[in-house]
Amino acid sequence: MDWNFIPLAFGQIVSPLTIGYALAALGLAVHFGFTGLLNFGQAGFMAVGGYFFAITTVKFDWPLWAALIACVVGAVLFALLLGIPTLRLRADYLSIVTIAAAEIVRYTVKTPAISKFTGGSDGINGASRDFYALNPIPEGQYGFGVLTYNNNQLWSIIVGWAVVAIAAVLVWQLMRSPWGRVIKGIREDEDAVRSLGKNVTWYKMQSLILGGVLAAIATVLIIIPTSLQPDNYGTQTTFFLYTIVLLGGATTVLGPILGSVIFWIVLNLADGVLTILVNNHLLPITSIQQGPIRFIIVGIALMILVIFRPQGILGKKREAHFSE
């Protein structure tokens, strides 16, 4: 039996998916965990940021710093587009608008009429050129066994986790500031915050922008070592992010990061175990059925966690319930 899947699964700690999802989940925690915004379209922010970055880099040949600015601007514009008509209304309006907007973005970038810019269903490759040009690590292989990385992969890992660490410190400091106390007050009782003279809608908009920008940058970290594919940013991505946030703790800063690491390790461990069982005819399923079953396993684990520890692994129980 091939047991290489075990070190490969734990190698997910440094994978682009884990890093990117950790940052995007941190942005969702700003929305949902700290502010109480029901954003079901975080994948839309990820797609918008990714396409603004990839199009300006590959199609218009912008330098890396300009493409990153474009990525942030795209996320801000998308937040304004979603927030202006909805944030003055009940929370469920935002959830309806965001989940629809995310799907609109995904289908729009696949439209043949604009495929010369977006790449259509094939997506965009080659957004990593300027990023790897900044790589100071000498060429070669680093690591051992199946966990061996070349200099570009190692550069992506270092930069990715550095960005996550900076974002985590930023969010932690913001949530300890007067601004953060207002944000958490809105989560608990926005009418009480409004009665104190605070512009609740403007604070919500700031939170939506901050979390959206984190999600947009997360996509950059994901696509630099791989490519930008539109179908990677459907509703499934948002539900993965909610799973990660609830797993680690929605009202914490480190919770989404830990949740991303655990989510991808468990998912890959489940896939490896199922592969062995299927290949040795110990489980009466096909390899096609194997994919959905691994998500069922993760789902059951999350259900158990929610039952016995609804606040998540790092969360506080007194912050696990939101005001209606």
Protein backbone atom coordinates (compact mmCIF):
# COMPACT_ATOMS: atom_id res chain seq x y z
CA MET A 1 0.00 0.00 0.00
CA ASP A 2 1.15 3.51 -0.83
CA TRP A 3 1.21 5.58 2.36
CA ASN A 4 2.75 8.66 0.76
CA PHE A 5 -0.64 10.34 1.04
CA ILE A 6 -0.01 10.90 4.76
CA PRO A 7 3.00 13.24 4.44
CA LEU A 8 1.38 14.77 1.34
CA ALA A 9 -1.77 15.49 3.34
CA PHE A 10 0.21 17.22 6.09
CA GLY A 11 2.11 19.02 3.36
CA GLN A 12 -1.15 20.85 2.70
CA ILE A 13 -0.07 23.17 5.52
CA VAL A 14 2.09 24.99 2.98
CA SER A 15 -0.06 24.51 -0.12
CA PRO A 16 -1.37 27.55 -2.06
CA LEU A 17 -4.97 26.42 -1.40
CA THR A 18 -4.48 26.32 2.36
CA ILE A 19 -2.77 29.71 2.37
CA GLY A 20 -5.33 31.34 0.09
CA TYR A 21 -8.34 29.86 1.87
CA ALA A 22 -6.90 30.91 5.23
CA LEU A 23 -6.77 34.53 4.06
CA ALA A 24 -10.19 34.41 2.39
CA ALA A 25 -11.69 32.78 5.49
CA LEU A 26 -10.17 35.52 7.63
CA GLY A 27 -11.98 38.02 5.42
CA LEU A 28 -15.22 36.07 5.86
CA ALA A 29 -14.68 36.10 9.62
CA VAL A 30 -14.53 39.90 9.46
CA HIS A 31 -17.88 39.84 7.65
CA PHE A 32 -19.72 37.09 9.48
CA GLY A 33 -17.91 36.47 12.73
CA PHE A 34 -17.12 40.01 13.82
CA THR A 35 -19.77 42.11 12.04
CA GLY A 36 -22.62 39.62 11.63
CA LEU A 37 -22.92 40.16 7.85
CA LEU A 38 -24.40 37.16 6.04
CA ASN A 39 -22.11 37.19 3.02
CA PHE A 40 -22.72 34.10 0.89
CA GLY A 41 -20.69 35.41 -2.00
CA GLN A 42 -17.13 35.48 -0.75
CA ALA A 43 -16.19 33.50 -3.85
CA GLY A 44 -17.33 36.52 -5.87
CA PHE A 45 -14.76 38.75 -4.15
CA MET A 46 -12.13 36.11 -4.82
CA ALA A 47 -13.04 35.91 -8.51
CA VAL A 48 -13.14 39.69 -8.97
CA GLY A 49 -9.75 40.14 -7.31
CA GLY A 50 -8.22 37.29 -9.27
CA TYR A 51 -9.46 38.54 -12.63
CA PHE A 52 -8.46 42.16 -12.00
CA PHE A 53 -4.97 40.92 -11.13
CA ALA A 54 -4.62 38.35 -13.92
CA ILE A 55 -6.06 40.51 -16.70
CA THR A 56 -3.90 43.52 -15.87
CA THR A 57 -0.81 41.33 -15.52
CA VAL A 58 -1.21 38.99 -18.51
CA LYS A 59 -3.36 40.94 -20.97
CA PHE A 60 -2.17 44.51 -20.29
CA ASP A 61 1.35 43.71 -19.08
CA TRP A 62 1.07 45.86 -15.95
CA PRO A 63 3.85 45.58 -13.32
CA LEU A 64 3.15 43.53 -10.21
CA TRP A 65 2.52 46.50 -7.90
CA ALA A 66 -0.02 48.03 -10.32
CA ALA A 67 -1.83 44.71 -10.76
CA LEU A 68 -2.10 44.34 -6.99
CA ILE A 69 -3.61 47.82 -6.74
CA ALA A 70 -6.08 46.84 -9.48
CA CYS A 71 -6.97 43.74 -7.48
CA VAL A 72 -7.75 45.82 -4.38
CA VAL A 73 -9.69 48.42 -6.38
CA GLY A 74 -11.76 45.66 -7.95
CA ALA A 75 -12.68 44.25 -4.54
CA VAL A 76 -13.61 47.72 -3.23
CA LEU A 77 -15.84 48.42 -6.24
CA PHE A 78 -17.51 45.03 -5.89
CA ALA A 79 -18.16 45.70 -2.19
CA LEU A 80 -19.69 49.08 -2.97
CA LEU A 81 -21.84 47.54 -5.69
CA LEU A 82 -23.18 44.95 -3.26
CA GLY A 83 -23.32 47.05 -0.12
CA ILE A 84 -24.92 50.32 -1.22
CA PRO A 85 -28.33 48.80 -2.09
CA THR A 86 -28.42 46.19 0.68
CA LEU A 87 -26.67 47.23 3.89
CA ARG A 88 -29.50 49.52 4.97
CA LEU A 89 -31.89 46.56 4.76
CA ARG A 90 -32.21 43.34 6.76
CA ALA A 91 -29.25 40.97 6.83
CA ASP A 92 -30.91 38.36 4.62
CA TYR A 93 -30.96 40.80 1.69
CA LEU A 94 -27.17 40.85 1.69
CA SER A 95 -27.05 37.04 1.64
CA ILE A 96 -29.39 36.89 -1.37
CA VAL A 97 -27.53 39.59 -3.29
CA THR A 98 -24.04 38.24 -2.59
CA ILE A 99 -24.73 34.63 -3.58
CA ALA A 100 -26.36 35.83 -6.81
CA ALA A 101 -23.60 38.34 -7.54
CA ALA A 102 -20.89 35.71 -7.13
CA GLU A 103 -22.60 33.49 -9.69
CA ILE A 104 -23.09 36.43 -12.05
CA VAL A 105 -19.35 37.13 -11.90
CA ARG A 106 -18.49 33.49 -12.59
CA TYR A 107 -20.80 33.22 -15.60
CA THR A 108 -19.83 36.62 -16.93
CA VAL A 109 -16.10 35.83 -17.12
CA LYS A 110 -16.95 32.64 -19.03
CA THR A 111 -18.89 34.57 -21.68
CA PRO A 112 -17.33 34.08 -25.16
CA ALA A 113 -17.84 37.78 -26.00
CA ILE A 114 -15.15 38.85 -23.49
CA SER A 115 -13.04 35.68 -23.52
CA LYS A 116 -10.12 37.53 -25.14
CA PHE A 117 -9.72 39.28 -21.79
CA THR A 118 -10.94 36.65 -19.32
CA GLY A 119 -9.88 33.48 -21.13
CA GLY A 120 -13.44 32.15 -21.03
CA SER A 121 -13.82 28.67 -19.54
CA ASP A 122 -10.07 28.08 -19.87
CA GLY A 123 -9.18 30.88 -17.46
CA ILE A 124 -5.86 32.73 -17.47
CA ASN A 125 -2.32 31.40 -17.11
CA GLY A 126 0.97 33.21 -16.65
CA ALA A 127 0.15 35.69 -13.90
CA SER A 128 3.24 34.65 -11.93
CA ARG A 129 5.93 36.11 -14.21
CA ASP A 130 6.73 39.32 -12.31
CA PHE A 131 6.25 37.65 -8.94
CA TYR A 132 8.85 34.98 -9.63
CA ALA A 133 11.20 37.63 -11.05
CA LEU A 134 11.49 38.98 -7.49
CA ASN A 135 12.48 35.57 -6.09
CA PRO A 136 15.79 35.86 -4.17
CA ILE A 137 16.03 32.10 -3.44
CA PRO A 138 18.70 30.30 -5.51
CA GLU A 139 17.49 27.71 -8.00
CA GLY A 140 17.31 24.20 -6.67
CA GLN A 141 15.18 21.71 -4.74
CA TYR A 142 14.35 22.18 -1.08
CA GLY A 143 12.81 19.76 1.38
CA PHE A 144 12.88 15.98 1.54
CA GLY A 145 11.01 13.00 0.11
CA VAL A 146 7.58 13.78 -1.30
CA LEU A 147 7.71 17.19 0.40
CA THR A 148 10.25 18.68 -1.99
CA TYR A 149 9.75 22.14 -3.48
CA ASN A 150 11.62 24.14 -6.08
CA ASN A 151 12.78 27.70 -5.43
CA ASN A 152 9.65 29.27 -6.94
CA GLN A 153 7.31 27.09 -4.91
CA LEU A 154 9.26 27.89 -1.76
CA TRP A 155 9.09 31.61 -2.56
CA SER A 156 5.31 31.35 -2.97
CA ILE A 157 4.98 29.57 0.38
CA ILE A 158 7.09 32.14 2.25
CA VAL A 159 5.34 35.16 0.74
CA GLY A 160 1.91 33.55 1.14
CA TRP A 161 2.23 32.82 4.84
CA ALA A 162 3.86 36.21 5.41
CA VAL A 163 0.80 37.90 3.87
CA VAL A 164 -1.53 35.78 6.02
CA ALA A 165 0.46 36.70 9.14
CA ILE A 166 0.36 40.43 8.31
CA ALA A 167 -3.40 40.25 7.62
CA ALA A 168 -4.00 38.38 10.89
CA VAL A 169 -2.10 41.02 12.90
CA LEU A 170 -3.97 43.79 11.09
CA VAL A 171 -7.40 42.27 11.81
CA TRP A 172 -6.41 41.50 15.41
CA GLN A 173 -5.36 45.10 16.01
CA LEU A 174 -8.46 46.48 14.29
CA MET A 175 -10.79 44.33 16.38
CA ARG A 176 -9.11 45.57 19.57
CA SER A 177 -9.50 49.20 18.48
CA PRO A 178 -12.55 51.47 18.97
CA TRP A 179 -13.51 50.65 15.36
CA GLY A 180 -13.50 46.95 16.17
CA ARG A 181 -15.64 47.45 19.25
CA VAL A 182 -18.24 49.23 17.13
CA ILE A 183 -18.12 46.41 14.58
CA LYS A 184 -18.70 43.76 17.26
CA GLY A 185 -21.43 45.92 18.75
CA ILE A 186 -23.21 45.89 15.39
CA ARG A 187 -23.06 42.11 15.43
CA GLU A 188 -24.71 41.98 18.83
CA ASP A 189 -27.30 44.75 18.48
CA GLU A 190 -27.05 47.27 15.66
CA ASP A 191 -30.01 49.29 16.95
CA ALA A 192 -28.15 49.94 20.19
CA VAL A 193 -25.07 51.04 18.24
CA ARG A 194 -27.21 53.29 16.07
CA SER A 195 -28.73 54.87 19.17
CA LEU A 196 -25.23 55.91 20.21
CA GLY A 197 -24.95 58.04 17.08
CA LYS A 198 -22.83 55.66 15.00
CA ASN A 199 -23.39 55.35 11.26
CA VAL A 200 -24.06 51.61 11.22
CA THR A 201 -24.34 51.39 7.44
CA TRP A 202 -20.95 53.02 6.91
CA TYR A 203 -19.29 50.70 9.45
CA LYS A 204 -20.85 47.70 7.72
CA MET A 205 -19.54 48.96 4.40
CA GLN A 206 -16.03 49.30 5.81
CA SER A 207 -16.21 45.74 7.11
CA LEU A 208 -17.49 44.47 3.76
CA ILE A 209 -14.63 46.22 1.96
CA LEU A 210 -11.96 44.93 4.36
CA GLY A 211 -13.11 41.31 4.17
CA GLY A 212 -13.54 41.55 0.40
CA VAL A 213 -10.03 42.91 -0.11
CA LEU A 214 -8.59 40.03 1.93
CA ALA A 215 -10.50 37.56 -0.25
CA ALA A 216 -9.25 39.26 -3.43
CA ILE A 217 -5.62 39.08 -2.31
CA ALA A 218 -6.19 35.45 -1.31
CA THR A 219 -6.93 34.58 -4.93
CA VAL A 220 -3.65 36.16 -6.02
CA LEU A 221 -1.82 33.84 -3.61
CA ILE A 222 -3.69 30.86 -5.05
CA ILE A 223 -3.29 31.58 -8.78
CA ILE A 224 0.36 32.64 -8.80
CA PRO A 225 1.66 29.05 -8.43
CA THR A 226 -1.21 27.62 -10.53
CA SER A 227 -3.70 29.40 -12.81
CA LEU A 228 -7.01 31.26 -12.68
CA GLN A 229 -10.00 29.02 -13.44
CA PRO A 230 -13.53 30.50 -13.23
CA ASP A 231 -15.20 27.30 -12.00
CA ASN A 232 -12.99 27.33 -8.90
CA TYR A 233 -15.00 30.28 -7.59
CA GLY A 234 -18.55 28.97 -7.46
CA THR A 235 -20.85 28.71 -4.45
CA GLN A 236 -18.96 25.60 -3.33
CA THR A 237 -15.96 27.80 -2.55
CA THR A 238 -18.01 30.02 -0.24
CA PHE A 239 -19.41 26.98 1.56
CA PHE A 240 -15.86 25.66 2.01
CA LEU A 241 -14.95 29.00 3.55
CA TYR A 242 -17.90 28.87 5.96
CA THR A 243 -16.86 25.34 6.94
CA ILE A 244 -13.34 26.59 7.64
CA VAL A 245 -14.56 29.61 9.62
CA LEU A 246 -16.98 27.57 11.75
CA LEU A 247 -14.35 24.89 12.28
CA GLY A 248 -11.72 27.23 13.66
CA GLY A 249 -13.97 29.78 15.32
CA ALA A 250 -15.89 32.54 13.54
CA THR A 251 -15.19 35.20 16.16
CA THR A 252 -11.43 34.69 16.31
CA VAL A 253 -8.48 35.78 14.19
CA LEU A 254 -6.47 32.56 14.33
CA GLY A 255 -9.54 30.33 14.00
CA PRO A 256 -9.97 30.69 10.20
CA ILE A 257 -6.26 30.07 9.67
CA LEU A 258 -6.29 26.92 11.82
CA GLY A 259 -9.57 25.88 10.21
CA SER A 260 -8.06 26.10 6.72
CA VAL A 261 -5.10 23.94 7.72
CA ILE A 262 -7.31 21.30 9.36
CA PHE A 263 -9.87 21.34 6.53
CA TRP A 264 -7.37 20.62 3.77
CA ILE A 265 -5.38 18.09 5.80
CA VAL A 266 -8.52 16.12 6.74
CA LEU A 267 -9.85 16.32 3.18
CA ASN A 268 -6.63 14.91 1.75
CA LEU A 269 -6.28 12.27 4.46
CA ALA A 270 -9.85 11.13 3.78
CA ASP A 271 -9.11 11.01 0.05
CA GLY A 272 -5.96 8.94 0.62
CA VAL A 273 -7.66 6.46 2.94
CA LEU A 274 -10.60 6.08 0.53
CA THR A 275 -8.19 5.51 -2.38
CA ILE A 276 -6.50 2.65 -0.52
CA LEU A 277 -9.83 1.10 0.47
CA VAL A 278 -11.22 1.36 -3.07
CA ASN A 279 -8.07 0.07 -4.80
CA ASN A 280 -7.92 -2.94 -2.48
CA HIS A 281 -11.65 -3.64 -2.90
CA LEU A 282 -12.29 -3.07 0.79
CA LEU A 283 -15.01 -0.49 0.11
CA PRO A 284 -17.82 -1.21 -2.39
CA ILE A 285 -17.68 2.13 -4.21
CA THR A 286 -16.12 3.41 -7.42
CA SER A 287 -13.36 5.99 -7.72
CA ILE A 288 -15.97 8.41 -9.09
CA GLN A 289 -18.02 8.08 -5.89
CA GLN A 290 -14.89 8.60 -3.80
CA GLY A 291 -14.80 12.38 -4.32
CA PRO A 292 -18.24 13.17 -2.85
CA ILE A 293 -17.74 10.73 0.03
CA ARG A 294 -14.66 12.59 1.31
CA PHE A 295 -16.80 15.73 1.59
CA ILE A 296 -19.42 13.71 3.47
CA ILE A 297 -16.75 12.68 5.95
CA VAL A 298 -15.67 16.29 6.47
CA GLY A 299 -19.32 17.31 6.77
CA ILE A 300 -20.02 14.72 9.46
CA ALA A 301 -16.94 15.86 11.38
CA LEU A 302 -18.18 19.46 11.19
CA MET A 303 -21.66 18.42 12.39
CA ILE A 304 -20.12 16.72 15.42
CA LEU A 305 -18.03 19.80 16.13
CA VAL A 306 -21.04 22.13 15.87
CA ILE A 307 -23.03 19.91 18.25
CA PHE A 308 -20.37 19.64 20.93
CA ARG A 309 -18.41 22.87 20.34
CA PRO A 310 -20.55 25.36 18.40
CA GLN A 311 -18.06 28.18 18.92
CA GLY A 312 -15.37 26.32 16.96
CA ILE A 313 -11.98 25.08 18.09
CA LEU A 314 -10.63 28.47 19.21
CA GLY A 315 -13.90 30.35 19.68
CA LYS A 316 -15.51 31.60 22.86
CA LYS A 317 -18.92 30.21 23.73
CA ARG A 318 -20.37 33.58 24.77
CA GLU A 319 -19.70 34.85 21.22
CA ALA A 320 -21.13 31.82 19.44
CA HIS A 321 -24.67 33.19 19.25
CA PHE A 322 -25.71 36.27 17.35
CA SER A 323 -28.56 38.59 18.09
CA GLU A 324 -31.60 38.17 15.86
